[in-house]
Amino acid sequence: MLNISSADAKNNFSDVLKQVQNGESFVIEYGRKQKKIAKIIPYQETEIQPIKIGLYKDNDAFDFKIHDDWEMTAEELLDLK
């Protein structure tokens, strides 16, 4: 993963996109302290499977989907500290 300033990303956006299309990833840095503010990564299609939770598991009207790259623990989801 490469780091790039926001100014360089803006000035060379087409080149950045070509590199991303070829599999490269970038972290966009901003300001004098080069604070990391964004990431540009190659797009990936994901198939999302519906799951049923709790009281709504028997009701088709309440399906919702969670991406495969979901990164939250049950404690974080339920705000248990």
PDB file of N, CA and C in Angstrom:
ATOM      1  N   MET A   1       0.846  -1.165   0.000  1.00  0.00           N
ATOM      2  CA  MET A   1       0.000   0.000   0.000  1.00  0.00           C
ATOM      3  C   MET A   1       0.899   1.238   0.000  1.00  0.00           C
ATOM      4  N   LEU A   2       0.598   2.149  -0.913  1.00  0.00           N
ATOM      5  CA  LEU A   2       1.401   3.356  -1.054  1.00  0.00           C
ATOM      6  C   LEU A   2       0.719   4.543  -0.382  1.00  0.00           C
ATOM      7  N   ASN A   3       1.519   5.438   0.191  1.00  0.00           N
ATOM      8  CA  ASN A   3       0.999   6.687   0.744  1.00  0.00           C
ATOM      9  C   ASN A   3       1.145   7.769  -0.314  1.00  0.00           C
ATOM     10  N   ILE A   4       0.135   8.641  -0.413  1.00  0.00           N
ATOM     11  CA  ILE A   4       0.159   9.720  -1.397  1.00  0.00           C
ATOM     12  C   ILE A   4      -0.515  10.938  -0.773  1.00  0.00           C
ATOM     13  N   SER A   5       0.035  12.117  -1.023  1.00  0.00           N
ATOM     14  CA  SER A   5      -0.576  13.332  -0.482  1.00  0.00           C
ATOM     15  C   SER A   5      -1.863  13.624  -1.246  1.00  0.00           C
ATOM     16  N   SER A   6      -2.765  14.355  -0.613  1.00  0.00           N
ATOM     17  CA  SER A   6      -4.017  14.687  -1.283  1.00  0.00           C
ATOM     18  C   SER A   6      -3.756  15.510  -2.537  1.00  0.00           C
ATOM     19  N   ALA A   7      -2.746  16.385  -2.507  1.00  0.00           N
ATOM     20  CA  ALA A   7      -2.409  17.201  -3.684  1.00  0.00           C
ATOM     21  C   ALA A   7      -1.928  16.318  -4.830  1.00  0.00           C
ATOM     22  N   ASP A   8      -1.056  15.353  -4.526  1.00  0.00           N
ATOM     23  CA  ASP A   8      -0.568  14.444  -5.567  1.00  0.00           C
ATOM     24  C   ASP A   8      -1.703  13.578  -6.114  1.00  0.00           C
ATOM     25  N   ALA A   9      -2.584  13.132  -5.221  1.00  0.00           N
ATOM     26  CA  ALA A   9      -3.722  12.324  -5.663  1.00  0.00           C
ATOM     27  C   ALA A   9      -4.609  13.132  -6.597  1.00  0.00           C
ATOM     28  N   LYS A  10      -4.829  14.397  -6.266  1.00  0.00           N
ATOM     29  CA  LYS A  10      -5.657  15.265  -7.104  1.00  0.00           C
ATOM     30  C   LYS A  10      -4.992  15.520  -8.460  1.00  0.00           C
ATOM     31  N   ASN A  11      -3.720  15.835  -8.439  1.00  0.00           N
ATOM     32  CA  ASN A  11      -3.008  16.180  -9.671  1.00  0.00           C
ATOM     33  C   ASN A  11      -2.776  14.982 -10.583  1.00  0.00           C
ATOM     34  N   ASN A  12      -2.729  13.788 -10.015  1.00  0.00           N
ATOM     35  CA  ASN A  12      -2.428  12.577 -10.792  1.00  0.00           C
ATOM     36  C   ASN A  12      -3.539  11.540 -10.666  1.00  0.00           C
ATOM     37  N   PHE A  13      -4.779  12.003 -10.558  1.00  0.00           N
ATOM     38  CA  PHE A  13      -5.887  11.099 -10.252  1.00  0.00           C
ATOM     39  C   PHE A  13      -6.036   9.983 -11.287  1.00  0.00           C
ATOM     40  N   SER A  14      -5.911  10.301 -12.558  1.00  0.00           N
ATOM     41  CA  SER A  14      -6.044   9.266 -13.603  1.00  0.00           C
ATOM     42  C   SER A  14      -4.972   8.196 -13.449  1.00  0.00           C
ATOM     43  N   ASP A  15      -3.740   8.622 -13.148  1.00  0.00           N
ATOM     44  CA  ASP A  15      -2.661   7.647 -12.945  1.00  0.00           C
ATOM     45  C   ASP A  15      -2.913   6.797 -11.709  1.00  0.00           C
ATOM     46  N   VAL A  16      -3.402   7.426 -10.649  1.00  0.00           N
ATOM     47  CA  VAL A  16      -3.728   6.693  -9.417  1.00  0.00           C
ATOM     48  C   VAL A  16      -4.786   5.642  -9.723  1.00  0.00           C
ATOM     49  N   LEU A  17      -5.836   6.031 -10.448  1.00  0.00           N
ATOM     50  CA  LEU A  17      -6.899   5.077 -10.780  1.00  0.00           C
ATOM     51  C   LEU A  17      -6.385   3.928 -11.638  1.00  0.00           C
ATOM     52  N   LYS A  18      -5.486   4.205 -12.557  1.00  0.00           N
ATOM     53  CA  LYS A  18      -4.907   3.130 -13.374  1.00  0.00           C
ATOM     54  C   LYS A  18      -4.142   2.140 -12.500  1.00  0.00           C
ATOM     55  N   GLN A  19      -3.390   2.665 -11.520  1.00  0.00           N
ATOM     56  CA  GLN A  19      -2.645   1.781 -10.620  1.00  0.00           C
ATOM     57  C   GLN A  19      -3.595   0.978  -9.741  1.00  0.00           C
ATOM     58  N   VAL A  20      -4.678   1.609  -9.278  1.00  0.00           N
ATOM     59  CA  VAL A  20      -5.673   0.894  -8.473  1.00  0.00           C
ATOM     60  C   VAL A  20      -6.320  -0.208  -9.311  1.00  0.00           C
ATOM     61  N   GLN A  21      -6.589   0.095 -10.567  1.00  0.00           N
ATOM     62  CA  GLN A  21      -7.172  -0.899 -11.468  1.00  0.00           C
ATOM     63  C   GLN A  21      -6.241  -2.103 -11.632  1.00  0.00           C
ATOM     64  N   ASN A  22      -4.942  -1.872 -11.482  1.00  0.00           N
ATOM     65  CA  ASN A  22      -3.951  -2.946 -11.575  1.00  0.00           C
ATOM     66  C   ASN A  22      -3.656  -3.600 -10.230  1.00  0.00           C
ATOM     67  N   GLY A  23      -4.442  -3.269  -9.192  1.00  0.00           N
ATOM     68  CA  GLY A  23      -4.317  -3.940  -7.901  1.00  0.00           C
ATOM     69  C   GLY A  23      -3.621  -3.165  -6.803  1.00  0.00           C
ATOM     70  N   GLU A  24      -3.101  -1.973  -7.084  1.00  0.00           N
ATOM     71  CA  GLU A  24      -2.401  -1.177  -6.075  1.00  0.00           C
ATOM     72  C   GLU A  24      -3.415  -0.479  -5.159  1.00  0.00           C
ATOM     73  N   SER A  25      -3.031  -0.237  -3.916  1.00  0.00           N
ATOM     74  CA  SER A  25      -3.849   0.497  -2.951  1.00  0.00           C
ATOM     75  C   SER A  25      -3.094   1.728  -2.494  1.00  0.00           C
ATOM     76  N   PHE A  26      -3.843   2.775  -2.135  1.00  0.00           N
ATOM     77  CA  PHE A  26      -3.250   4.029  -1.696  1.00  0.00           C
ATOM     78  C   PHE A  26      -3.880   4.516  -0.400  1.00  0.00           C
ATOM     79  N   VAL A  27      -3.057   5.128   0.448  1.00  0.00           N
ATOM     80  CA  VAL A  27      -3.539   5.861   1.612  1.00  0.00           C
ATOM     81  C   VAL A  27      -3.361   7.339   1.283  1.00  0.00           C
ATOM     82  N   ILE A  28      -4.445   8.099   1.399  1.00  0.00           N
ATOM     83  CA  ILE A  28      -4.398   9.528   1.115  1.00  0.00           C
ATOM     84  C   ILE A  28      -4.054  10.269   2.394  1.00  0.00           C
ATOM     85  N   GLU A  29      -3.009  11.096   2.320  1.00  0.00           N
ATOM     86  CA  GLU A  29      -2.566  11.891   3.471  1.00  0.00           C
ATOM     87  C   GLU A  29      -2.874  13.355   3.212  1.00  0.00           C
ATOM     88  N   TYR A  30      -3.176  14.096   4.292  1.00  0.00           N
ATOM     89  CA  TYR A  30      -3.603  15.483   4.148  1.00  0.00           C
ATOM     90  C   TYR A  30      -2.930  16.383   5.179  1.00  0.00           C
ATOM     91  N   GLY A  31      -2.603  17.577   4.761  1.00  0.00           N
ATOM     92  CA  GLY A  31      -2.077  18.596   5.671  1.00  0.00           C
ATOM     93  C   GLY A  31      -0.585  18.482   5.908  1.00  0.00           C
ATOM     94  N   ARG A  32      -0.086  19.447   6.684  1.00  0.00           N
ATOM     95  CA  ARG A  32       1.358  19.476   6.978  1.00  0.00           C
ATOM     96  C   ARG A  32       1.815  18.249   7.754  1.00  0.00           C
ATOM     97  N   LYS A  33       0.941  17.743   8.607  1.00  0.00           N
ATOM     98  CA  LYS A  33       1.306  16.573   9.415  1.00  0.00           C
ATOM     99  C   LYS A  33       1.012  15.257   8.691  1.00  0.00           C
ATOM    100  N   GLN A  34       0.551  15.372   7.444  1.00  0.00           N
ATOM    101  CA  GLN A  34       0.276  14.188   6.618  1.00  0.00           C
ATOM    102  C   GLN A  34      -0.630  13.186   7.351  1.00  0.00           C
ATOM    103  N   LYS A  35      -1.741  13.695   7.874  1.00  0.00           N
ATOM    104  CA  LYS A  35      -2.715  12.843   8.560  1.00  0.00           C
ATOM    105  C   LYS A  35      -3.388  11.925   7.546  1.00  0.00           C
ATOM    106  N   LYS A  36      -3.447  10.648   7.852  1.00  0.00           N
ATOM    107  CA  LYS A  36      -4.071   9.667   6.968  1.00  0.00           C
ATOM    108  C   LYS A  36      -5.588   9.840   7.063  1.00  0.00           C
ATOM    109  N   ILE A  37      -6.222  10.120   5.899  1.00  0.00           N
ATOM    110  CA  ILE A  37      -7.656  10.418   5.937  1.00  0.00           C
ATOM    111  C   ILE A  37      -8.514   9.479   5.094  1.00  0.00           C
ATOM    112  N   ALA A  38      -7.921   8.783   4.140  1.00  0.00           N
ATOM    113  CA  ALA A  38      -8.723   7.923   3.270  1.00  0.00           C
ATOM    114  C   ALA A  38      -7.856   6.830   2.662  1.00  0.00           C
ATOM    115  N   LYS A  39      -8.539   5.825   2.127  1.00  0.00           N
ATOM    116  CA  LYS A  39      -7.855   4.732   1.464  1.00  0.00           C
ATOM    117  C   LYS A  39      -8.554   4.491   0.130  1.00  0.00           C
ATOM    118  N   ILE A  40      -7.783   4.324  -0.926  1.00  0.00           N
ATOM    119  CA  ILE A  40      -8.328   3.944  -2.226  1.00  0.00           C
ATOM    120  C   ILE A  40      -7.850   2.521  -2.495  1.00  0.00           C
ATOM    121  N   ILE A  41      -8.809   1.620  -2.652  1.00  0.00           N
ATOM    122  CA  ILE A  41      -8.492   0.208  -2.866  1.00  0.00           C
ATOM    123  C   ILE A  41      -9.254  -0.290  -4.097  1.00  0.00           C
ATOM    124  N   PRO A  42      -8.789  -1.364  -4.714  1.00  0.00           N
ATOM    125  CA  PRO A  42      -9.512  -1.910  -5.860  1.00  0.00           C
ATOM    126  C   PRO A  42     -10.918  -2.366  -5.453  1.00  0.00           C
ATOM    127  N   TYR A  43     -11.873  -2.117  -6.323  1.00  0.00           N
ATOM    128  CA  TYR A  43     -13.262  -2.513  -6.086  1.00  0.00           C
ATOM    129  C   TYR A  43     -13.398  -4.019  -6.221  1.00  0.00           C
ATOM    130  N   GLN A  44     -14.188  -4.605  -5.330  1.00  0.00           N
ATOM    131  CA  GLN A  44     -14.429  -6.043  -5.361  1.00  0.00           C
ATOM    132  C   GLN A  44     -15.910  -6.307  -5.219  1.00  0.00           C
ATOM    133  N   GLU A  45     -16.470  -7.037  -6.152  1.00  0.00           N
ATOM    134  CA  GLU A  45     -17.877  -7.445  -6.040  1.00  0.00           C
ATOM    135  C   GLU A  45     -17.996  -8.448  -4.897  1.00  0.00           C
ATOM    136  N   THR A  46     -19.012  -8.295  -4.084  1.00  0.00           N
ATOM    137  CA  THR A  46     -19.267  -9.250  -3.013  1.00  0.00           C
ATOM    138  C   THR A  46     -20.712  -9.700  -3.079  1.00  0.00           C
ATOM    139  N   GLU A  47     -20.919 -10.947  -2.789  1.00  0.00           N
ATOM    140  CA  GLU A  47     -22.276 -11.459  -2.730  1.00  0.00           C
ATOM    141  C   GLU A  47     -22.725 -11.399  -1.286  1.00  0.00           C
ATOM    142  N   ILE A  48     -23.837 -10.747  -1.054  1.00  0.00           N
ATOM    143  CA  ILE A  48     -24.333 -10.547   0.302  1.00  0.00           C
ATOM    144  C   ILE A  48     -25.480 -11.518   0.552  1.00  0.00           C
ATOM    145  N   GLN A  49     -25.343 -12.313   1.598  1.00  0.00           N
ATOM    146  CA  GLN A  49     -26.367 -13.285   1.944  1.00  0.00           C
ATOM    147  C   GLN A  49     -27.265 -12.735   3.041  1.00  0.00           C
ATOM    148  N   PRO A  50     -28.584 -12.822   2.876  1.00  0.00           N
ATOM    149  CA  PRO A  50     -29.470 -12.352   3.942  1.00  0.00           C
ATOM    150  C   PRO A  50     -29.379 -13.264   5.163  1.00  0.00           C
ATOM    151  N   ILE A  51     -29.488 -12.685   6.331  1.00  0.00           N
ATOM    152  CA  ILE A  51     -29.539 -13.471   7.567  1.00  0.00           C
ATOM    153  C   ILE A  51     -30.745 -13.010   8.372  1.00  0.00           C
ATOM    154  N   LYS A  52     -31.215 -13.861   9.224  1.00  0.00           N
ATOM    155  CA  LYS A  52     -32.375 -13.533  10.043  1.00  0.00           C
ATOM    156  C   LYS A  52     -31.940 -13.533  11.501  1.00  0.00           C
ATOM    157  N   ILE A  53     -32.376 -12.506  12.204  1.00  0.00           N
ATOM    158  CA  ILE A  53     -31.935 -12.322  13.583  1.00  0.00           C
ATOM    159  C   ILE A  53     -33.140 -12.184  14.512  1.00  0.00           C
ATOM    160  N   GLY A  54     -33.053 -12.839  15.647  1.00  0.00           N
ATOM    161  CA  GLY A  54     -33.982 -12.642  16.750  1.00  0.00           C
ATOM    162  C   GLY A  54     -35.449 -12.740  16.395  1.00  0.00           C
ATOM    163  N   LEU A  55     -36.216 -11.746  16.833  1.00  0.00           N
ATOM    164  CA  LEU A  55     -37.658 -11.754  16.671  1.00  0.00           C
ATOM    165  C   LEU A  55     -38.098 -11.765  15.216  1.00  0.00           C
ATOM    166  N   TYR A  56     -37.238 -11.298  14.331  1.00  0.00           N
ATOM    167  CA  TYR A  56     -37.612 -11.150  12.931  1.00  0.00           C
ATOM    168  C   TYR A  56     -37.206 -12.344  12.069  1.00  0.00           C
ATOM    169  N   LYS A  57     -36.657 -13.407  12.665  1.00  0.00           N
ATOM    170  CA  LYS A  57     -36.119 -14.499  11.858  1.00  0.00           C
ATOM    171  C   LYS A  57     -37.177 -15.244  11.053  1.00  0.00           C
ATOM    172  N   ASP A  58     -38.433 -15.176  11.473  1.00  0.00           N
ATOM    173  CA  ASP A  58     -39.493 -15.876  10.742  1.00  0.00           C
ATOM    174  C   ASP A  58     -40.303 -14.941   9.848  1.00  0.00           C
ATOM    175  N   ASN A  59     -39.861 -13.700   9.692  1.00  0.00           N
ATOM    176  CA  ASN A  59     -40.616 -12.726   8.912  1.00  0.00           C
ATOM    177  C   ASN A  59     -39.764 -12.244   7.738  1.00  0.00           C
ATOM    178  N   ASP A  60     -40.162 -12.580   6.518  1.00  0.00           N
ATOM    179  CA  ASP A  60     -39.390 -12.215   5.327  1.00  0.00           C
ATOM    180  C   ASP A  60     -39.322 -10.711   5.096  1.00  0.00           C
ATOM    181  N   ALA A  61     -40.204  -9.944   5.692  1.00  0.00           N
ATOM    182  CA  ALA A  61     -40.209  -8.485   5.499  1.00  0.00           C
ATOM    183  C   ALA A  61     -39.023  -7.820   6.183  1.00  0.00           C
ATOM    184  N   PHE A  62     -38.333  -8.531   7.065  1.00  0.00           N
ATOM    185  CA  PHE A  62     -37.255  -7.924   7.838  1.00  0.00           C
ATOM    186  C   PHE A  62     -35.888  -8.521   7.532  1.00  0.00           C
ATOM    187  N   ASP A  63     -35.665  -8.966   6.302  1.00  0.00           N
ATOM    188  CA  ASP A  63     -34.335  -9.444   5.906  1.00  0.00           C
ATOM    189  C   ASP A  63     -33.370  -8.274   5.819  1.00  0.00           C
ATOM    190  N   PHE A  64     -32.156  -8.473   6.210  1.00  0.00           N
ATOM    191  CA  PHE A  64     -31.105  -7.507   5.954  1.00  0.00           C
ATOM    192  C   PHE A  64     -29.832  -8.264   5.695  1.00  0.00           C
ATOM    193  N   LYS A  65     -28.857  -7.568   5.107  1.00  0.00           N
ATOM    194  CA  LYS A  65     -27.653  -8.237   4.651  1.00  0.00           C
ATOM    195  C   LYS A  65     -26.423  -7.647   5.315  1.00  0.00           C
ATOM    196  N   ILE A  66     -25.434  -8.502   5.580  1.00  0.00           N
ATOM    197  CA  ILE A  66     -24.165  -8.088   6.163  1.00  0.00           C
ATOM    198  C   ILE A  66     -23.055  -8.521   5.212  1.00  0.00           C
ATOM    199  N   HIS A  67     -22.171  -7.588   4.866  1.00  0.00           N
ATOM    200  CA  HIS A  67     -21.058  -7.891   3.965  1.00  0.00           C
ATOM    201  C   HIS A  67     -20.089  -8.878   4.610  1.00  0.00           C
ATOM    202  N   ASP A  68     -19.378  -9.631   3.773  1.00  0.00           N
ATOM    203  CA  ASP A  68     -18.391 -10.600   4.249  1.00  0.00           C
ATOM    204  C   ASP A  68     -17.249  -9.937   5.009  1.00  0.00           C
ATOM    205  N   ASP A  69     -16.966  -8.670   4.687  1.00  0.00           N
ATOM    206  CA  ASP A  69     -15.842  -7.992   5.324  1.00  0.00           C
ATOM    207  C   ASP A  69     -16.256  -7.227   6.590  1.00  0.00           C
ATOM    208  N   TRP A  70     -17.399  -7.583   7.165  1.00  0.00           N
ATOM    209  CA  TRP A  70     -17.885  -6.959   8.403  1.00  0.00           C
ATOM    210  C   TRP A  70     -16.857  -7.183   9.494  1.00  0.00           C
ATOM    211  N   GLU A  71     -16.400  -6.105  10.118  1.00  0.00           N
ATOM    212  CA  GLU A  71     -15.370  -6.216  11.150  1.00  0.00           C
ATOM    213  C   GLU A  71     -15.839  -5.559  12.435  1.00  0.00           C
ATOM    214  N   MET A  72     -16.833  -6.137  13.079  1.00  0.00           N
ATOM    215  CA  MET A  72     -17.322  -5.617  14.342  1.00  0.00           C
ATOM    216  C   MET A  72     -17.634  -6.798  15.252  1.00  0.00           C
ATOM    217  N   THR A  73     -17.150  -6.734  16.474  1.00  0.00           N
ATOM    218  CA  THR A  73     -17.438  -7.806  17.417  1.00  0.00           C
ATOM    219  C   THR A  73     -18.867  -7.660  17.922  1.00  0.00           C
ATOM    220  N   ALA A  74     -19.387  -8.721  18.502  1.00  0.00           N
ATOM    221  CA  ALA A  74     -20.734  -8.670  19.064  1.00  0.00           C
ATOM    222  C   ALA A  74     -20.816  -7.611  20.164  1.00  0.00           C
ATOM    223  N   GLU A  75     -19.740  -7.472  20.944  1.00  0.00           N
ATOM    224  CA  GLU A  75     -19.721  -6.472  22.014  1.00  0.00           C
ATOM    225  C   GLU A  75     -19.819  -5.056  21.451  1.00  0.00           C
ATOM    226  N   GLU A  76     -19.110  -4.807  20.351  1.00  0.00           N
ATOM    227  CA  GLU A  76     -19.183  -3.487  19.707  1.00  0.00           C
ATOM    228  C   GLU A  76     -20.587  -3.242  19.139  1.00  0.00           C
ATOM    229  N   LEU A  77     -21.160  -4.258  18.502  1.00  0.00           N
ATOM    230  CA  LEU A  77     -22.480  -4.121  17.924  1.00  0.00           C
ATOM    231  C   LEU A  77     -23.517  -3.807  18.993  1.00  0.00           C
ATOM    232  N   LEU A  78     -23.423  -4.483  20.124  1.00  0.00           N
ATOM    233  CA  LEU A  78     -24.382  -4.290  21.210  1.00  0.00           C
ATOM    234  C   LEU A  78     -23.972  -3.199  22.178  1.00  0.00           C
ATOM    235  N   ASP A  79     -22.832  -2.552  21.930  1.00  0.00           N
ATOM    236  CA  ASP A  79     -22.287  -1.481  22.768  1.00  0.00           C
ATOM    237  C   ASP A  79     -22.096  -1.955  24.207  1.00  0.00           C
ATOM    238  N   LEU A  80     -21.513  -3.149  24.353  1.00  0.00           N
ATOM    239  CA  LEU A  80     -21.194  -3.695  25.671  1.00  0.00           C
ATOM    240  C   LEU A  80     -19.761  -3.306  26.029  1.00  0.00           C
ATOM    241  N   LYS A  81     -19.598  -2.637  27.141  1.00  0.00           N
ATOM    242  CA  LYS A  81     -18.251  -2.228  27.538  1.00  0.00           C
ATOM    243  C   LYS A  81     -17.954  -2.666  28.947  1.00  0.00           C
TER     244      LYS A  81
END
